[in-house]
Amino acid sequence: MMFTIFINLHRLPIREYNMANPMFIGLDTETGGIEDDTSLLSLYIGIYDEEFILKGELDILMKPDNGIYMVEAGGLEVNKINLVE
């Protein structure tokens, strides 16, 4: 399945990152349900320093190239994503 990605950057100070300071990445995804054929709706990436302080984050909203979301009502209820917005 092909997706178009819309990116919204928040406080992403790339210049602060170097190999001397360990960084950690946290990932979270939201899908249209629990079945294998449901759409991936969003991806969140958080970048944390060695003290687990958030240093930057990235929210990515996915849209299938064909414009057809494969979702289940229960999946949208749980993740609170409104596809109309």
PDB file of N, CA and C in Angstrom:
ATOM      1  N   MET A   1       0.846  -1.172   0.000  1.00  0.00           N
ATOM      2  CA  MET A   1       0.000   0.000   0.000  1.00  0.00           C
ATOM      3  C   MET A   1       0.894   1.238   0.000  1.00  0.00           C
ATOM      4  N   MET A   2       0.597   2.205  -0.832  1.00  0.00           N
ATOM      5  CA  MET A   2       1.382   3.432  -0.937  1.00  0.00           C
ATOM      6  C   MET A   2       0.748   4.527  -0.085  1.00  0.00           C
ATOM      7  N   PHE A   3       1.601   5.357   0.536  1.00  0.00           N
ATOM      8  CA  PHE A   3       1.128   6.426   1.404  1.00  0.00           C
ATOM      9  C   PHE A   3       1.780   7.743   1.024  1.00  0.00           C
ATOM     10  N   THR A   4       1.034   8.820   1.203  1.00  0.00           N
ATOM     11  CA  THR A   4       1.581  10.164   1.142  1.00  0.00           C
ATOM     12  C   THR A   4       1.774  10.609   2.581  1.00  0.00           C
ATOM     13  N   ILE A   5       2.902  11.221   2.888  1.00  0.00           N
ATOM     14  CA  ILE A   5       3.225  11.597   4.255  1.00  0.00           C
ATOM     15  C   ILE A   5       3.186  13.119   4.390  1.00  0.00           C
ATOM     16  N   PHE A   6       2.426  13.598   5.399  1.00  0.00           N
ATOM     17  CA  PHE A   6       2.404  15.007   5.756  1.00  0.00           C
ATOM     18  C   PHE A   6       3.202  15.154   7.045  1.00  0.00           C
ATOM     19  N   ILE A   7       4.179  16.039   7.077  1.00  0.00           N
ATOM     20  CA  ILE A   7       5.078  16.164   8.219  1.00  0.00           C
ATOM     21  C   ILE A   7       4.854  17.496   8.928  1.00  0.00           C
ATOM     22  N   ASN A   8       4.757  17.424  10.259  1.00  0.00           N
ATOM     23  CA  ASN A   8       4.610  18.606  11.104  1.00  0.00           C
ATOM     24  C   ASN A   8       5.757  18.578  12.112  1.00  0.00           C
ATOM     25  N   LEU A   9       6.739  19.465  11.978  1.00  0.00           N
ATOM     26  CA  LEU A   9       7.910  19.474  12.854  1.00  0.00           C
ATOM     27  C   LEU A   9       7.649  20.308  14.104  1.00  0.00           C
ATOM     28  N   HIS A  10       8.094  19.802  15.260  1.00  0.00           N
ATOM     29  CA  HIS A  10       7.972  20.506  16.537  1.00  0.00           C
ATOM     30  C   HIS A  10       9.336  20.503  17.231  1.00  0.00           C
ATOM     31  N   ARG A  11       9.860  21.634  17.539  1.00  0.00           N
ATOM     32  CA  ARG A  11      11.082  21.742  18.354  1.00  0.00           C
ATOM     33  C   ARG A  11      12.101  20.639  18.017  1.00  0.00           C
ATOM     34  N   LEU A  12      12.624  20.639  16.842  1.00  0.00           N
ATOM     35  CA  LEU A  12      13.555  19.597  16.431  1.00  0.00           C
ATOM     36  C   LEU A  12      14.942  20.213  16.227  1.00  0.00           C
ATOM     37  N   PRO A  13      15.672  20.480  17.333  1.00  0.00           N
ATOM     38  CA  PRO A  13      16.974  21.165  17.234  1.00  0.00           C
ATOM     39  C   PRO A  13      18.091  20.201  16.825  1.00  0.00           C
ATOM     40  N   ILE A  14      18.188  19.895  15.550  1.00  0.00           N
ATOM     41  CA  ILE A  14      19.149  18.919  15.042  1.00  0.00           C
ATOM     42  C   ILE A  14      20.579  19.268  15.454  1.00  0.00           C
ATOM     43  N   ARG A  15      20.917  20.527  15.526  1.00  0.00           N
ATOM     44  CA  ARG A  15      22.290  20.935  15.821  1.00  0.00           C
ATOM     45  C   ARG A  15      22.775  20.458  17.198  1.00  0.00           C
ATOM     46  N   GLU A  16      21.862  20.102  18.115  1.00  0.00           N
ATOM     47  CA  GLU A  16      22.258  19.668  19.458  1.00  0.00           C
ATOM     48  C   GLU A  16      22.724  18.217  19.501  1.00  0.00           C
ATOM     49  N   TYR A  17      22.485  17.453  18.471  1.00  0.00           N
ATOM     50  CA  TYR A  17      22.771  16.029  18.513  1.00  0.00           C
ATOM     51  C   TYR A  17      24.209  15.741  18.078  1.00  0.00           C
ATOM     52  N   ASN A  18      24.906  14.952  18.877  1.00  0.00           N
ATOM     53  CA  ASN A  18      26.229  14.486  18.482  1.00  0.00           C
ATOM     54  C   ASN A  18      26.469  13.131  19.144  1.00  0.00           C
ATOM     55  N   MET A  19      27.475  12.420  18.716  1.00  0.00           N
ATOM     56  CA  MET A  19      27.725  11.064  19.193  1.00  0.00           C
ATOM     57  C   MET A  19      28.167  11.026  20.655  1.00  0.00           C
ATOM     58  N   ALA A  20      28.640  12.142  21.209  1.00  0.00           N
ATOM     59  CA  ALA A  20      29.090  12.157  22.600  1.00  0.00           C
ATOM     60  C   ALA A  20      27.923  12.123  23.574  1.00  0.00           C
ATOM     61  N   ASN A  21      26.761  12.568  23.148  1.00  0.00           N
ATOM     62  CA  ASN A  21      25.575  12.583  24.006  1.00  0.00           C
ATOM     63  C   ASN A  21      24.585  11.536  23.503  1.00  0.00           C
ATOM     64  N   PRO A  22      24.387  10.471  24.279  1.00  0.00           N
ATOM     65  CA  PRO A  22      23.450   9.439  23.815  1.00  0.00           C
ATOM     66  C   PRO A  22      22.033   9.982  23.690  1.00  0.00           C
ATOM     67  N   MET A  23      21.343   9.539  22.664  1.00  0.00           N
ATOM     68  CA  MET A  23      19.967   9.938  22.432  1.00  0.00           C
ATOM     69  C   MET A  23      19.115   8.684  22.305  1.00  0.00           C
ATOM     70  N   PHE A  24      17.849   8.821  22.617  1.00  0.00           N
ATOM     71  CA  PHE A  24      16.911   7.718  22.536  1.00  0.00           C
ATOM     72  C   PHE A  24      15.723   8.156  21.693  1.00  0.00           C
ATOM     73  N   ILE A  25      15.156   7.206  20.966  1.00  0.00           N
ATOM     74  CA  ILE A  25      14.014   7.492  20.115  1.00  0.00           C
ATOM     75  C   ILE A  25      12.815   6.695  20.608  1.00  0.00           C
ATOM     76  N   GLY A  26      11.701   7.374  20.819  1.00  0.00           N
ATOM     77  CA  GLY A  26      10.437   6.726  21.152  1.00  0.00           C
ATOM     78  C   GLY A  26       9.520   6.797  19.945  1.00  0.00           C
ATOM     79  N   LEU A  27       8.861   5.690  19.625  1.00  0.00           N
ATOM     80  CA  LEU A  27       7.965   5.625  18.468  1.00  0.00           C
ATOM     81  C   LEU A  27       6.561   5.250  18.910  1.00  0.00           C
ATOM     82  N   ASP A  28       5.570   5.808  18.257  1.00  0.00           N
ATOM     83  CA  ASP A  28       4.176   5.435  18.483  1.00  0.00           C
ATOM     84  C   ASP A  28       3.455   5.519  17.153  1.00  0.00           C
ATOM     85  N   THR A  29       2.620   4.537  16.872  1.00  0.00           N
ATOM     86  CA  THR A  29       1.820   4.551  15.655  1.00  0.00           C
ATOM     87  C   THR A  29       0.345   4.439  16.011  1.00  0.00           C
ATOM     88  N   GLU A  30      -0.481   4.946  15.137  1.00  0.00           N
ATOM     89  CA  GLU A  30      -1.924   4.779  15.244  1.00  0.00           C
ATOM     90  C   GLU A  30      -2.406   4.185  13.931  1.00  0.00           C
ATOM     91  N   THR A  31      -3.225   3.154  14.031  1.00  0.00           N
ATOM     92  CA  THR A  31      -3.759   2.494  12.850  1.00  0.00           C
ATOM     93  C   THR A  31      -5.278   2.569  12.854  1.00  0.00           C
ATOM     94  N   GLY A  32      -5.853   2.144  11.756  1.00  0.00           N
ATOM     95  CA  GLY A  32      -7.303   2.157  11.619  1.00  0.00           C
ATOM     96  C   GLY A  32      -7.987   0.962  12.238  1.00  0.00           C
ATOM     97  N   GLY A  33      -7.250   0.111  12.928  1.00  0.00           N
ATOM     98  CA  GLY A  33      -7.826  -1.069  13.560  1.00  0.00           C
ATOM     99  C   GLY A  33      -6.764  -2.113  13.841  1.00  0.00           C
ATOM    100  N   ILE A  34      -7.217  -3.318  14.198  1.00  0.00           N
ATOM    101  CA  ILE A  34      -6.266  -4.367  14.578  1.00  0.00           C
ATOM    102  C   ILE A  34      -6.004  -5.376  13.463  1.00  0.00           C
ATOM    103  N   GLU A  35      -6.748  -5.314  12.394  1.00  0.00           N
ATOM    104  CA  GLU A  35      -6.546  -6.249  11.286  1.00  0.00           C
ATOM    105  C   GLU A  35      -5.332  -5.840  10.453  1.00  0.00           C
ATOM    106  N   ASP A  36      -4.739  -6.806   9.757  1.00  0.00           N
ATOM    107  CA  ASP A  36      -3.542  -6.555   8.944  1.00  0.00           C
ATOM    108  C   ASP A  36      -3.772  -5.568   7.801  1.00  0.00           C
ATOM    109  N   ASP A  37      -4.989  -5.485   7.297  1.00  0.00           N
ATOM    110  CA  ASP A  37      -5.239  -4.648   6.128  1.00  0.00           C
ATOM    111  C   ASP A  37      -5.723  -3.234   6.473  1.00  0.00           C
ATOM    112  N   THR A  38      -5.715  -2.854   7.761  1.00  0.00           N
ATOM    113  CA  THR A  38      -6.127  -1.501   8.118  1.00  0.00           C
ATOM    114  C   THR A  38      -4.985  -0.514   7.868  1.00  0.00           C
ATOM    115  N   SER A  39      -5.345   0.732   7.663  1.00  0.00           N
ATOM    116  CA  SER A  39      -4.382   1.772   7.292  1.00  0.00           C
ATOM    117  C   SER A  39      -3.539   2.236   8.477  1.00  0.00           C
ATOM    118  N   LEU A  40      -2.288   2.538   8.187  1.00  0.00           N
ATOM    119  CA  LEU A  40      -1.433   3.241   9.140  1.00  0.00           C
ATOM    120  C   LEU A  40      -1.819   4.713   9.042  1.00  0.00           C
ATOM    121  N   LEU A  41      -2.269   5.304  10.139  1.00  0.00           N
ATOM    122  CA  LEU A  41      -2.788   6.668  10.112  1.00  0.00           C
ATOM    123  C   LEU A  41      -1.781   7.708  10.575  1.00  0.00           C
ATOM    124  N   SER A  42      -0.955   7.363  11.559  1.00  0.00           N
ATOM    125  CA  SER A  42       0.011   8.347  12.044  1.00  0.00           C
ATOM    126  C   SER A  42       1.225   7.655  12.653  1.00  0.00           C
ATOM    127  N   LEU A  43       2.317   8.410  12.689  1.00  0.00           N
ATOM    128  CA  LEU A  43       3.566   7.974  13.309  1.00  0.00           C
ATOM    129  C   LEU A  43       4.094   9.142  14.127  1.00  0.00           C
ATOM    130  N   TYR A  44       4.441   8.875  15.391  1.00  0.00           N
ATOM    131  CA  TYR A  44       5.045   9.893  16.258  1.00  0.00           C
ATOM    132  C   TYR A  44       6.450   9.426  16.605  1.00  0.00           C
ATOM    133  N   ILE A  45       7.416  10.335  16.512  1.00  0.00           N
ATOM    134  CA  ILE A  45       8.795  10.049  16.891  1.00  0.00           C
ATOM    135  C   ILE A  45       9.220  11.109  17.899  1.00  0.00           C
ATOM    136  N   GLY A  46       9.645  10.679  19.078  1.00  0.00           N
ATOM    137  CA  GLY A  46      10.178  11.584  20.092  1.00  0.00           C
ATOM    138  C   GLY A  46      11.664  11.306  20.268  1.00  0.00           C
ATOM    139  N   ILE A  47      12.456  12.342  20.367  1.00  0.00           N
ATOM    140  CA  ILE A  47      13.905  12.211  20.567  1.00  0.00           C
ATOM    141  C   ILE A  47      14.226  12.714  21.969  1.00  0.00           C
ATOM    142  N   TYR A  48      14.870  11.841  22.756  1.00  0.00           N
ATOM    143  CA  TYR A  48      15.145  12.121  24.167  1.00  0.00           C
ATOM    144  C   TYR A  48      16.643  12.072  24.437  1.00  0.00           C
ATOM    145  N   ASP A  49      17.102  12.903  25.376  1.00  0.00           N
ATOM    146  CA  ASP A  49      18.518  12.872  25.744  1.00  0.00           C
ATOM    147  C   ASP A  49      18.766  11.772  26.777  1.00  0.00           C
ATOM    148  N   GLU A  50      19.983  11.720  27.309  1.00  0.00           N
ATOM    149  CA  GLU A  50      20.369  10.657  28.242  1.00  0.00           C
ATOM    150  C   GLU A  50      19.589  10.703  29.558  1.00  0.00           C
ATOM    151  N   GLU A  51      18.944  11.826  29.845  1.00  0.00           N
ATOM    152  CA  GLU A  51      18.106  11.949  31.047  1.00  0.00           C
ATOM    153  C   GLU A  51      16.619  11.808  30.696  1.00  0.00           C
ATOM    154  N   PHE A  52      16.343  11.364  29.480  1.00  0.00           N
ATOM    155  CA  PHE A  52      14.986  11.162  28.960  1.00  0.00           C
ATOM    156  C   PHE A  52      14.155  12.446  28.946  1.00  0.00           C
ATOM    157  N   ILE A  53      14.849  13.549  28.661  1.00  0.00           N
ATOM    158  CA  ILE A  53      14.174  14.829  28.453  1.00  0.00           C
ATOM    159  C   ILE A  53      13.911  14.960  26.957  1.00  0.00           C
ATOM    160  N   LEU A  54      12.673  15.278  26.610  1.00  0.00           N
ATOM    161  CA  LEU A  54      12.294  15.408  25.209  1.00  0.00           C
ATOM    162  C   LEU A  54      13.071  16.551  24.557  1.00  0.00           C
ATOM    163  N   LYS A  55      13.804  16.244  23.493  1.00  0.00           N
ATOM    164  CA  LYS A  55      14.609  17.239  22.788  1.00  0.00           C
ATOM    165  C   LYS A  55      13.984  17.642  21.463  1.00  0.00           C
ATOM    166  N   GLY A  56      13.143  16.806  20.915  1.00  0.00           N
ATOM    167  CA  GLY A  56      12.485  17.111  19.643  1.00  0.00           C
ATOM    168  C   GLY A  56      11.448  16.053  19.351  1.00  0.00           C
ATOM    169  N   GLU A  57      10.502  16.409  18.510  1.00  0.00           N
ATOM    170  CA  GLU A  57       9.476  15.441  18.164  1.00  0.00           C
ATOM    171  C   GLU A  57       9.012  15.663  16.735  1.00  0.00           C
ATOM    172  N   LEU A  58       8.460  14.622  16.170  1.00  0.00           N
ATOM    173  CA  LEU A  58       8.003  14.647  14.793  1.00  0.00           C
ATOM    174  C   LEU A  58       6.684  13.892  14.716  1.00  0.00           C
ATOM    175  N   ASP A  59       5.643  14.549  14.201  1.00  0.00           N
ATOM    176  CA  ASP A  59       4.348  13.916  13.972  1.00  0.00           C
ATOM    177  C   ASP A  59       4.174  13.742  12.473  1.00  0.00           C
ATOM    178  N   ILE A  60       3.856  12.535  12.045  1.00  0.00           N
ATOM    179  CA  ILE A  60       3.633  12.274  10.627  1.00  0.00           C
ATOM    180  C   ILE A  60       2.228  11.708  10.466  1.00  0.00           C
ATOM    181  N   LEU A  61       1.418  12.365   9.647  1.00  0.00           N
ATOM    182  CA  LEU A  61       0.089  11.880   9.327  1.00  0.00           C
ATOM    183  C   LEU A  61       0.134  11.211   7.965  1.00  0.00           C
ATOM    184  N   MET A  62      -0.421  10.017   7.866  1.00  0.00           N
ATOM    185  CA  MET A  62      -0.372   9.241   6.635  1.00  0.00           C
ATOM    186  C   MET A  62      -1.702   9.334   5.897  1.00  0.00           C
ATOM    187  N   LYS A  63      -1.633   9.354   4.575  1.00  0.00           N
ATOM    188  CA  LYS A  63      -2.820   9.285   3.743  1.00  0.00           C
ATOM    189  C   LYS A  63      -2.516   8.337   2.585  1.00  0.00           C
ATOM    190  N   PRO A  64      -3.335   7.293   2.401  1.00  0.00           N
ATOM    191  CA  PRO A  64      -3.098   6.387   1.276  1.00  0.00           C
ATOM    192  C   PRO A  64      -3.142   7.150  -0.045  1.00  0.00           C
ATOM    193  N   ASP A  65      -2.252   6.805  -0.981  1.00  0.00           N
ATOM    194  CA  ASP A  65      -2.222   7.495  -2.265  1.00  0.00           C
ATOM    195  C   ASP A  65      -3.544   7.387  -3.007  1.00  0.00           C
ATOM    196  N   ASN A  66      -4.251   6.278  -2.824  1.00  0.00           N
ATOM    197  CA  ASN A  66      -5.541   6.146  -3.506  1.00  0.00           C
ATOM    198  C   ASN A  66      -6.667   6.858  -2.751  1.00  0.00           C
ATOM    199  N   GLY A  67      -6.377   7.426  -1.577  1.00  0.00           N
ATOM    200  CA  GLY A  67      -7.345   8.187  -0.802  1.00  0.00           C
ATOM    201  C   GLY A  67      -8.358   7.357  -0.040  1.00  0.00           C
ATOM    202  N   ILE A  68      -8.211   6.041  -0.087  1.00  0.00           N
ATOM    203  CA  ILE A  68      -9.166   5.161   0.577  1.00  0.00           C
ATOM    204  C   ILE A  68      -8.554   4.632   1.870  1.00  0.00           C
ATOM    205  N   TYR A  69      -9.101   5.074   2.996  1.00  0.00           N
ATOM    206  CA  TYR A  69      -8.636   4.602   4.291  1.00  0.00           C
ATOM    207  C   TYR A  69      -9.310   3.278   4.619  1.00  0.00           C
ATOM    208  N   MET A  70      -8.538   2.308   5.042  1.00  0.00           N
ATOM    209  CA  MET A  70      -9.064   1.031   5.503  1.00  0.00           C
ATOM    210  C   MET A  70      -9.091   1.098   7.029  1.00  0.00           C
ATOM    211  N   VAL A  71     -10.268   1.306   7.601  1.00  0.00           N
ATOM    212  CA  VAL A  71     -10.392   1.508   9.047  1.00  0.00           C
ATOM    213  C   VAL A  71     -11.556   0.706   9.607  1.00  0.00           C
ATOM    214  N   GLU A  72     -11.514   0.537  10.919  1.00  0.00           N
ATOM    215  CA  GLU A  72     -12.606  -0.081  11.664  1.00  0.00           C
ATOM    216  C   GLU A  72     -13.128   0.973  12.642  1.00  0.00           C
ATOM    217  N   ALA A  73     -14.431   0.965  12.900  1.00  0.00           N
ATOM    218  CA  ALA A  73     -15.018   1.953  13.818  1.00  0.00           C
ATOM    219  C   ALA A  73     -14.344   1.902  15.185  1.00  0.00           C
ATOM    220  N   GLY A  74     -14.065   0.705  15.687  1.00  0.00           N
ATOM    221  CA  GLY A  74     -13.416   0.571  16.991  1.00  0.00           C
ATOM    222  C   GLY A  74     -12.027   1.175  17.021  1.00  0.00           C
ATOM    223  N   GLY A  75     -11.289   1.027  15.921  1.00  0.00           N
ATOM    224  CA  GLY A  75      -9.946   1.601  15.854  1.00  0.00           C
ATOM    225  C   GLY A  75      -9.963   3.113  15.926  1.00  0.00           C
ATOM    226  N   LEU A  76     -10.893   3.737  15.210  1.00  0.00           N
ATOM    227  CA  LEU A  76     -10.998   5.199  15.238  1.00  0.00           C
ATOM    228  C   LEU A  76     -11.489   5.693  16.588  1.00  0.00           C
ATOM    229  N   GLU A  77     -12.333   4.920  17.233  1.00  0.00           N
ATOM    230  CA  GLU A  77     -12.826   5.291  18.558  1.00  0.00           C
ATOM    231  C   GLU A  77     -11.691   5.292  19.583  1.00  0.00           C
ATOM    232  N   VAL A  78     -10.827   4.296  19.496  1.00  0.00           N
ATOM    233  CA  VAL A  78      -9.713   4.177  20.448  1.00  0.00           C
ATOM    234  C   VAL A  78      -8.684   5.285  20.241  1.00  0.00           C
ATOM    235  N   ASN A  79      -8.260   5.526  18.985  1.00  0.00           N
ATOM    236  CA  ASN A  79      -7.169   6.481  18.760  1.00  0.00           C
ATOM    237  C   ASN A  79      -7.641   7.922  18.572  1.00  0.00           C
ATOM    238  N   LYS A  80      -8.937   8.154  18.543  1.00  0.00           N
ATOM    239  CA  LYS A  80      -9.520   9.508  18.488  1.00  0.00           C
ATOM    240  C   LYS A  80      -9.061  10.310  17.260  1.00  0.00           C
ATOM    241  N   ILE A  81      -8.772   9.621  16.155  1.00  0.00           N
ATOM    242  CA  ILE A  81      -8.400  10.308  14.919  1.00  0.00           C
ATOM    243  C   ILE A  81      -9.656  10.586  14.111  1.00  0.00           C
ATOM    244  N   ASN A  82      -9.800  11.837  13.679  1.00  0.00           N
ATOM    245  CA  ASN A  82     -10.924  12.247  12.852  1.00  0.00           C
ATOM    246  C   ASN A  82     -10.427  12.375  11.424  1.00  0.00           C
ATOM    247  N   LEU A  83     -10.858  11.497  10.546  1.00  0.00           N
ATOM    248  CA  LEU A  83     -10.382  11.508   9.160  1.00  0.00           C
ATOM    249  C   LEU A  83     -10.959  12.657   8.355  1.00  0.00           C
ATOM    250  N   VAL A  84     -11.994  13.302   8.841  1.00  0.00           N
ATOM    251  CA  VAL A  84     -12.609  14.418   8.109  1.00  0.00           C
ATOM    252  C   VAL A  84     -11.767  15.670   8.214  1.00  0.00           C
ATOM    253  N   GLU A  85     -11.057  15.861   9.321  1.00  0.00           N
ATOM    254  CA  GLU A  85     -10.252  17.077   9.538  1.00  0.00           C
ATOM    255  C   GLU A  85      -9.087  17.148   8.613  1.00  0.00           C
TER     256      GLU A  85
END
